[in-house]
Amino acid sequence: MIELGRYTMLKVGHKSAPKDPKRHKKLRSSAKRMTTDGLNSLRYDVIKSVKTAEYQLYTNITVNIGAV
Protein backbone atom coordinates (compact mmCIF):
# COMPACT_ATOMS: atom_id res chain seq x y z
CA MET A 1 0.00 0.00 0.00
CA ILE A 2 1.31 3.46 -0.90
CA GLU A 3 0.79 6.27 1.59
CA LEU A 4 1.25 9.86 0.51
CA GLY A 5 2.38 12.90 2.43
CA ARG A 6 1.97 16.38 1.07
CA TYR A 7 2.95 19.72 2.54
CA THR A 8 1.44 23.08 1.69
CA MET A 9 2.71 26.37 3.06
CA LEU A 10 0.08 28.81 4.31
CA LYS A 11 0.34 32.34 2.99
CA VAL A 12 1.62 35.01 5.37
CA GLY A 13 -1.25 36.57 7.28
CA HIS A 14 -3.62 33.67 6.58
CA LYS A 15 -6.37 33.62 9.20
CA SER A 16 -5.90 29.93 10.05
CA ALA A 17 -2.21 30.44 10.79
CA PRO A 18 -2.11 32.13 14.21
CA LYS A 19 1.20 33.71 15.22
CA ASP A 20 3.19 31.62 17.64
CA PRO A 21 4.45 33.90 20.44
CA LYS A 22 7.63 31.76 20.64
CA ARG A 23 8.34 31.84 16.88
CA HIS A 24 11.36 34.17 17.12
CA LYS A 25 12.98 32.04 19.83
CA LYS A 26 12.37 28.92 17.73
CA LEU A 27 13.91 30.55 14.66
CA ARG A 28 17.02 31.59 16.61
CA SER A 29 17.53 28.05 17.91
CA SER A 30 16.75 26.29 14.61
CA ALA A 31 20.41 25.80 13.64
CA LYS A 32 20.97 23.74 16.81
CA ARG A 33 17.92 21.56 16.14
CA MET A 34 18.14 21.01 12.40
CA THR A 35 20.49 18.01 12.58
CA THR A 36 18.14 16.06 14.86
CA ASP A 37 14.58 16.97 13.91
CA GLY A 38 12.53 16.72 10.78
CA LEU A 39 13.82 15.53 7.42
CA ASN A 40 17.50 15.85 8.35
CA SER A 41 17.27 12.94 10.78
CA LEU A 42 14.70 10.87 8.87
CA ARG A 43 16.08 7.64 7.41
CA TYR A 44 14.62 6.70 4.03
CA ASP A 45 15.32 5.01 0.67
CA VAL A 46 14.63 7.02 -2.49
CA ILE A 47 12.51 4.90 -4.83
CA LYS A 48 11.95 7.37 -7.65
CA SER A 49 12.74 11.02 -8.46
CA VAL A 50 10.91 12.71 -11.36
CA LYS A 51 11.21 16.31 -12.56
CA THR A 52 7.77 16.98 -14.04
CA ALA A 53 7.33 18.87 -17.31
CA GLU A 54 4.07 20.39 -16.08
CA TYR A 55 5.65 21.94 -12.97
CA GLN A 56 9.28 22.56 -13.93
CA LEU A 57 10.12 24.06 -10.54
CA TYR A 58 9.04 20.92 -8.70
CA THR A 59 10.47 17.44 -8.36
CA ASN A 60 8.31 14.49 -7.31
CA ILE A 61 10.36 12.28 -4.98
CA THR A 62 8.97 8.90 -3.88
CA VAL A 63 10.60 7.41 -0.78
CA ASN A 64 10.20 4.39 1.47
CA ILE A 65 10.47 5.29 5.16
CA GLY A 66 9.48 1.91 6.58
CA ALA A 67 12.23 -0.46 5.47
CA VAL A 68 15.43 1.34 6.47
PDB file of N, CA and C in Angstrom:
ATOM      1  N   MET A   1       0.844  -1.176   0.000  1.00  0.00           N
ATOM      2  CA  MET A   1       0.000   0.000   0.000  1.00  0.00           C
ATOM      3  C   MET A   1       0.892   1.243   0.000  1.00  0.00           C
ATOM      4  N   ILE A   2       0.564   2.210  -0.830  1.00  0.00           N
ATOM      5  CA  ILE A   2       1.310   3.460  -0.905  1.00  0.00           C
ATOM      6  C   ILE A   2       0.592   4.508  -0.068  1.00  0.00           C
ATOM      7  N   GLU A   3       1.338   5.164   0.805  1.00  0.00           N
ATOM      8  CA  GLU A   3       0.789   6.268   1.589  1.00  0.00           C
ATOM      9  C   GLU A   3       1.473   7.542   1.131  1.00  0.00           C
ATOM     10  N   LEU A   4       0.706   8.604   1.001  1.00  0.00           N
ATOM     11  CA  LEU A   4       1.246   9.858   0.506  1.00  0.00           C
ATOM     12  C   LEU A   4       1.287  10.907   1.597  1.00  0.00           C
ATOM     13  N   GLY A   5       2.293  11.740   1.548  1.00  0.00           N
ATOM     14  CA  GLY A   5       2.379  12.903   2.426  1.00  0.00           C
ATOM     15  C   GLY A   5       2.565  14.126   1.560  1.00  0.00           C
ATOM     16  N   ARG A   6       1.874  15.174   1.860  1.00  0.00           N
ATOM     17  CA  ARG A   6       1.973  16.385   1.066  1.00  0.00           C
ATOM     18  C   ARG A   6       2.004  17.574   2.013  1.00  0.00           C
ATOM     19  N   TYR A   7       2.814  18.542   1.695  1.00  0.00           N
ATOM     20  CA  TYR A   7       2.951  19.720   2.536  1.00  0.00           C
ATOM     21  C   TYR A   7       2.593  20.953   1.734  1.00  0.00           C
ATOM     22  N   THR A   8       1.822  21.832   2.323  1.00  0.00           N
ATOM     23  CA  THR A   8       1.441  23.085   1.692  1.00  0.00           C
ATOM     24  C   THR A   8       1.704  24.213   2.670  1.00  0.00           C
ATOM     25  N   MET A   9       2.408  25.235   2.203  1.00  0.00           N
ATOM     26  CA  MET A   9       2.706  26.371   3.062  1.00  0.00           C
ATOM     27  C   MET A   9       1.523  27.343   3.055  1.00  0.00           C
ATOM     28  N   LEU A  10       1.130  27.805   4.227  1.00  0.00           N
ATOM     29  CA  LEU A  10       0.075  28.811   4.313  1.00  0.00           C
ATOM     30  C   LEU A  10       0.659  30.175   3.982  1.00  0.00           C
ATOM     31  N   LYS A  11      -0.110  30.997   3.325  1.00  0.00           N
ATOM     32  CA  LYS A  11       0.344  32.339   2.989  1.00  0.00           C
ATOM     33  C   LYS A  11       0.483  33.173   4.258  1.00  0.00           C
ATOM     34  N   VAL A  12       1.401  34.117   4.226  1.00  0.00           N
ATOM     35  CA  VAL A  12       1.616  35.007   5.366  1.00  0.00           C
ATOM     36  C   VAL A  12       0.336  35.783   5.642  1.00  0.00           C
ATOM     37  N   GLY A  13      -0.054  35.842   6.905  1.00  0.00           N
ATOM     38  CA  GLY A  13      -1.255  36.566   7.280  1.00  0.00           C
ATOM     39  C   GLY A  13      -2.538  35.776   7.108  1.00  0.00           C
ATOM     40  N   HIS A  14      -2.431  34.516   6.737  1.00  0.00           N
ATOM     41  CA  HIS A  14      -3.617  33.666   6.576  1.00  0.00           C
ATOM     42  C   HIS A  14      -4.313  33.525   7.923  1.00  0.00           C
ATOM     43  N   LYS A  15      -5.612  33.609   7.943  1.00  0.00           N
ATOM     44  CA  LYS A  15      -6.366  33.617   9.196  1.00  0.00           C
ATOM     45  C   LYS A  15      -6.221  32.321   9.994  1.00  0.00           C
ATOM     46  N   SER A  16      -6.015  31.188   9.312  1.00  0.00           N
ATOM     47  CA  SER A  16      -5.904  29.929  10.048  1.00  0.00           C
ATOM     48  C   SER A  16      -4.472  29.655  10.513  1.00  0.00           C
ATOM     49  N   ALA A  17      -3.590  30.610  10.345  1.00  0.00           N
ATOM     50  CA  ALA A  17      -2.208  30.443  10.788  1.00  0.00           C
ATOM     51  C   ALA A  17      -1.908  31.456  11.893  1.00  0.00           C
ATOM     52  N   PRO A  18      -2.351  31.172  13.123  1.00  0.00           N
ATOM     53  CA  PRO A  18      -2.111  32.130  14.207  1.00  0.00           C
ATOM     54  C   PRO A  18      -0.622  32.275  14.498  1.00  0.00           C
ATOM     55  N   LYS A  19      -0.211  33.461  14.911  1.00  0.00           N
ATOM     56  CA  LYS A  19       1.196  33.708  15.217  1.00  0.00           C
ATOM     57  C   LYS A  19       1.573  33.011  16.516  1.00  0.00           C
ATOM     58  N   ASP A  20       2.662  32.293  16.463  1.00  0.00           N
ATOM     59  CA  ASP A  20       3.193  31.616  17.643  1.00  0.00           C
ATOM     60  C   ASP A  20       4.026  32.635  18.423  1.00  0.00           C
ATOM     61  N   PRO A  21       3.690  32.904  19.677  1.00  0.00           N
ATOM     62  CA  PRO A  21       4.450  33.899  20.440  1.00  0.00           C
ATOM     63  C   PRO A  21       5.917  33.500  20.641  1.00  0.00           C
ATOM     64  N   LYS A  22       6.242  32.217  20.467  1.00  0.00           N
ATOM     65  CA  LYS A  22       7.626  31.758  20.639  1.00  0.00           C
ATOM     66  C   LYS A  22       8.352  31.581  19.304  1.00  0.00           C
ATOM     67  N   ARG A  23       7.771  32.098  18.206  1.00  0.00           N
ATOM     68  CA  ARG A  23       8.337  31.841  16.884  1.00  0.00           C
ATOM     69  C   ARG A  23       9.744  32.408  16.708  1.00  0.00           C
ATOM     70  N   HIS A  24      10.029  33.573  17.274  1.00  0.00           N
ATOM     71  CA  HIS A  24      11.360  34.171  17.124  1.00  0.00           C
ATOM     72  C   HIS A  24      12.414  33.365  17.879  1.00  0.00           C
ATOM     73  N   LYS A  25      12.067  32.883  19.054  1.00  0.00           N
ATOM     74  CA  LYS A  25      12.983  32.045  19.826  1.00  0.00           C
ATOM     75  C   LYS A  25      13.256  30.734  19.083  1.00  0.00           C
ATOM     76  N   LYS A  26      12.207  30.156  18.492  1.00  0.00           N
ATOM     77  CA  LYS A  26      12.369  28.915  17.729  1.00  0.00           C
ATOM     78  C   LYS A  26      13.256  29.133  16.511  1.00  0.00           C
ATOM     79  N   LEU A  27      13.081  30.255  15.825  1.00  0.00           N
ATOM     80  CA  LEU A  27      13.915  30.546  14.660  1.00  0.00           C
ATOM     81  C   LEU A  27      15.379  30.720  15.049  1.00  0.00           C
ATOM     82  N   ARG A  28      15.631  31.387  16.164  1.00  0.00           N
ATOM     83  CA  ARG A  28      17.020  31.590  16.610  1.00  0.00           C
ATOM     84  C   ARG A  28      17.697  30.276  16.976  1.00  0.00           C
ATOM     85  N   SER A  29      16.937  29.322  17.492  1.00  0.00           N
ATOM     86  CA  SER A  29      17.535  28.052  17.908  1.00  0.00           C
ATOM     87  C   SER A  29      17.440  26.969  16.830  1.00  0.00           C
ATOM     88  N   SER A  30      16.961  27.310  15.649  1.00  0.00           N
ATOM     89  CA  SER A  30      16.749  26.293  14.612  1.00  0.00           C
ATOM     90  C   SER A  30      18.046  25.646  14.141  1.00  0.00           C
ATOM     91  N   ALA A  31      19.135  26.381  14.093  1.00  0.00           N
ATOM     92  CA  ALA A  31      20.409  25.802  13.639  1.00  0.00           C
ATOM     93  C   ALA A  31      20.859  24.673  14.559  1.00  0.00           C
ATOM     94  N   LYS A  32      20.586  24.794  15.857  1.00  0.00           N
ATOM     95  CA  LYS A  32      20.965  23.740  16.809  1.00  0.00           C
ATOM     96  C   LYS A  32      20.110  22.489  16.627  1.00  0.00           C
ATOM     97  N   ARG A  33      18.856  22.680  16.238  1.00  0.00           N
ATOM     98  CA  ARG A  33      17.918  21.562  16.141  1.00  0.00           C
ATOM     99  C   ARG A  33      17.905  20.884  14.785  1.00  0.00           C
ATOM    100  N   MET A  34      18.392  21.529  13.742  1.00  0.00           N
ATOM    101  CA  MET A  34      18.144  21.011  12.401  1.00  0.00           C
ATOM    102  C   MET A  34      18.840  19.689  12.088  1.00  0.00           C
ATOM    103  N   THR A  35      19.857  19.303  12.843  1.00  0.00           N
ATOM    104  CA  THR A  35      20.492  18.006  12.581  1.00  0.00           C
ATOM    105  C   THR A  35      19.740  16.852  13.231  1.00  0.00           C
ATOM    106  N   THR A  36      18.811  17.143  14.146  1.00  0.00           N
ATOM    107  CA  THR A  36      18.137  16.062  14.864  1.00  0.00           C
ATOM    108  C   THR A  36      16.621  16.045  14.724  1.00  0.00           C
ATOM    109  N   ASP A  37      16.033  17.026  14.079  1.00  0.00           N
ATOM    110  CA  ASP A  37      14.577  16.974  13.913  1.00  0.00           C
ATOM    111  C   ASP A  37      14.199  17.072  12.436  1.00  0.00           C
ATOM    112  N   GLY A  38      13.045  16.595  12.130  1.00  0.00           N
ATOM    113  CA  GLY A  38      12.533  16.719  10.775  1.00  0.00           C
ATOM    114  C   GLY A  38      13.235  15.844   9.760  1.00  0.00           C
ATOM    115  N   LEU A  39      13.302  16.326   8.526  1.00  0.00           N
ATOM    116  CA  LEU A  39      13.819  15.527   7.419  1.00  0.00           C
ATOM    117  C   LEU A  39      15.315  15.259   7.506  1.00  0.00           C
ATOM    118  N   ASN A  40      16.056  16.078   8.234  1.00  0.00           N
ATOM    119  CA  ASN A  40      17.498  15.855   8.345  1.00  0.00           C
ATOM    120  C   ASN A  40      17.843  14.589   9.104  1.00  0.00           C
ATOM    121  N   SER A  41      16.988  14.153  10.010  1.00  0.00           N
ATOM    122  CA  SER A  41      17.271  12.943  10.783  1.00  0.00           C
ATOM    123  C   SER A  41      16.429  11.747  10.327  1.00  0.00           C
ATOM    124  N   LEU A  42      15.555  11.948   9.369  1.00  0.00           N
ATOM    125  CA  LEU A  42      14.702  10.871   8.871  1.00  0.00           C
ATOM    126  C   LEU A  42      15.517   9.935   7.989  1.00  0.00           C
ATOM    127  N   ARG A  43      15.393   8.640   8.227  1.00  0.00           N
ATOM    128  CA  ARG A  43      16.085   7.643   7.407  1.00  0.00           C
ATOM    129  C   ARG A  43      15.101   7.115   6.374  1.00  0.00           C
ATOM    130  N   TYR A  44      15.516   7.109   5.101  1.00  0.00           N
ATOM    131  CA  TYR A  44      14.623   6.697   4.026  1.00  0.00           C
ATOM    132  C   TYR A  44      15.423   6.205   2.823  1.00  0.00           C
ATOM    133  N   ASP A  45      14.767   5.448   1.954  1.00  0.00           N
ATOM    134  CA  ASP A  45      15.318   5.011   0.672  1.00  0.00           C
ATOM    135  C   ASP A  45      14.556   5.729  -0.428  1.00  0.00           C
ATOM    136  N   VAL A  46      15.278   6.370  -1.355  1.00  0.00           N
ATOM    137  CA  VAL A  46      14.629   7.017  -2.495  1.00  0.00           C
ATOM    138  C   VAL A  46      14.265   5.939  -3.502  1.00  0.00           C
ATOM    139  N   ILE A  47      12.991   5.881  -3.861  1.00  0.00           N
ATOM    140  CA  ILE A  47      12.510   4.899  -4.826  1.00  0.00           C
ATOM    141  C   ILE A  47      12.515   5.492  -6.231  1.00  0.00           C
ATOM    142  N   LYS A  48      12.060   6.744  -6.341  1.00  0.00           N
ATOM    143  CA  LYS A  48      11.954   7.371  -7.655  1.00  0.00           C
ATOM    144  C   LYS A  48      12.022   8.884  -7.492  1.00  0.00           C
ATOM    145  N   SER A  49      12.670   9.562  -8.450  1.00  0.00           N
ATOM    146  CA  SER A  49      12.741  11.016  -8.464  1.00  0.00           C
ATOM    147  C   SER A  49      12.425  11.483  -9.884  1.00  0.00           C
ATOM    148  N   VAL A  50      11.370  12.292 -10.032  1.00  0.00           N
ATOM    149  CA  VAL A  50      10.915  12.713 -11.356  1.00  0.00           C
ATOM    150  C   VAL A  50      10.741  14.221 -11.386  1.00  0.00           C
ATOM    151  N   LYS A  51      11.414  14.881 -12.325  1.00  0.00           N
ATOM    152  CA  LYS A  51      11.213  16.309 -12.556  1.00  0.00           C
ATOM    153  C   LYS A  51      10.077  16.410 -13.565  1.00  0.00           C
ATOM    154  N   THR A  52       8.952  16.961 -13.171  1.00  0.00           N
ATOM    155  CA  THR A  52       7.774  16.978 -14.036  1.00  0.00           C
ATOM    156  C   THR A  52       7.844  18.110 -15.054  1.00  0.00           C
ATOM    157  N   ALA A  53       7.361  17.856 -16.258  1.00  0.00           N
ATOM    158  CA  ALA A  53       7.331  18.874 -17.307  1.00  0.00           C
ATOM    159  C   ALA A  53       6.267  19.921 -17.005  1.00  0.00           C
ATOM    160  N   GLU A  54       5.182  19.478 -16.373  1.00  0.00           N
ATOM    161  CA  GLU A  54       4.074  20.387 -16.075  1.00  0.00           C
ATOM    162  C   GLU A  54       4.480  21.442 -15.046  1.00  0.00           C
ATOM    163  N   TYR A  55       5.202  21.024 -14.019  1.00  0.00           N
ATOM    164  CA  TYR A  55       5.648  21.939 -12.971  1.00  0.00           C
ATOM    165  C   TYR A  55       7.171  21.891 -12.929  1.00  0.00           C
ATOM    166  N   GLN A  56       7.835  22.651 -13.769  1.00  0.00           N
ATOM    167  CA  GLN A  56       9.279  22.562 -13.926  1.00  0.00           C
ATOM    168  C   GLN A  56      10.050  22.959 -12.676  1.00  0.00           C
ATOM    169  N   LEU A  57       9.434  23.677 -11.772  1.00  0.00           N
ATOM    170  CA  LEU A  57      10.121  24.065 -10.540  1.00  0.00           C
ATOM    171  C   LEU A  57      10.030  22.994  -9.466  1.00  0.00           C
ATOM    172  N   TYR A  58       9.285  21.940  -9.714  1.00  0.00           N
ATOM    173  CA  TYR A  58       9.042  20.919  -8.703  1.00  0.00           C
ATOM    174  C   TYR A  58       9.621  19.577  -9.118  1.00  0.00           C
ATOM    175  N   THR A  59      10.014  18.805  -8.136  1.00  0.00           N
ATOM    176  CA  THR A  59      10.473  17.441  -8.358  1.00  0.00           C
ATOM    177  C   THR A  59       9.644  16.528  -7.477  1.00  0.00           C
ATOM    178  N   ASN A  60       9.086  15.476  -8.064  1.00  0.00           N
ATOM    179  CA  ASN A  60       8.310  14.492  -7.315  1.00  0.00           C
ATOM    180  C   ASN A  60       9.279  13.416  -6.845  1.00  0.00           C
ATOM    181  N   ILE A  61       9.439  13.266  -5.547  1.00  0.00           N
ATOM    182  CA  ILE A  61      10.357  12.285  -4.980  1.00  0.00           C
ATOM    183  C   ILE A  61       9.544  11.265  -4.191  1.00  0.00           C
ATOM    184  N   THR A  62       9.660   9.994  -4.570  1.00  0.00           N
ATOM    185  CA  THR A  62       8.970   8.904  -3.881  1.00  0.00           C
ATOM    186  C   THR A  62       9.986   8.189  -3.007  1.00  0.00           C
ATOM    187  N   VAL A  63       9.667   8.042  -1.717  1.00  0.00           N
ATOM    188  CA  VAL A  63      10.600   7.408  -0.783  1.00  0.00           C
ATOM    189  C   VAL A  63       9.899   6.330   0.023  1.00  0.00           C
ATOM    190  N   ASN A  64      10.696   5.418   0.561  1.00  0.00           N
ATOM    191  CA  ASN A  64      10.203   4.390   1.469  1.00  0.00           C
ATOM    192  C   ASN A  64      10.809   4.692   2.832  1.00  0.00           C
ATOM    193  N   ILE A  65       9.959   4.969   3.823  1.00  0.00           N
ATOM    194  CA  ILE A  65      10.472   5.288   5.160  1.00  0.00           C
ATOM    195  C   ILE A  65      10.316   4.137   6.133  1.00  0.00           C
ATOM    196  N   GLY A  66       9.762   3.008   5.667  1.00  0.00           N
ATOM    197  CA  GLY A  66       9.483   1.909   6.581  1.00  0.00           C
ATOM    198  C   GLY A  66      10.490   0.785   6.585  1.00  0.00           C
ATOM    199  N   ALA A  67      11.363   0.707   5.599  1.00  0.00           N
ATOM    200  CA  ALA A  67      12.229  -0.460   5.473  1.00  0.00           C
ATOM    201  C   ALA A  67      13.701  -0.157   5.722  1.00  0.00           C
ATOM    202  N   VAL A  68      14.013   0.978   6.261  1.00  0.00           N
ATOM    203  CA  VAL A  68      15.425   1.342   6.465  1.00  0.00           C
ATOM    204  C   VAL A  68      15.905   0.847   7.803  1.00  0.00           C
TER     205      VAL A  68
END
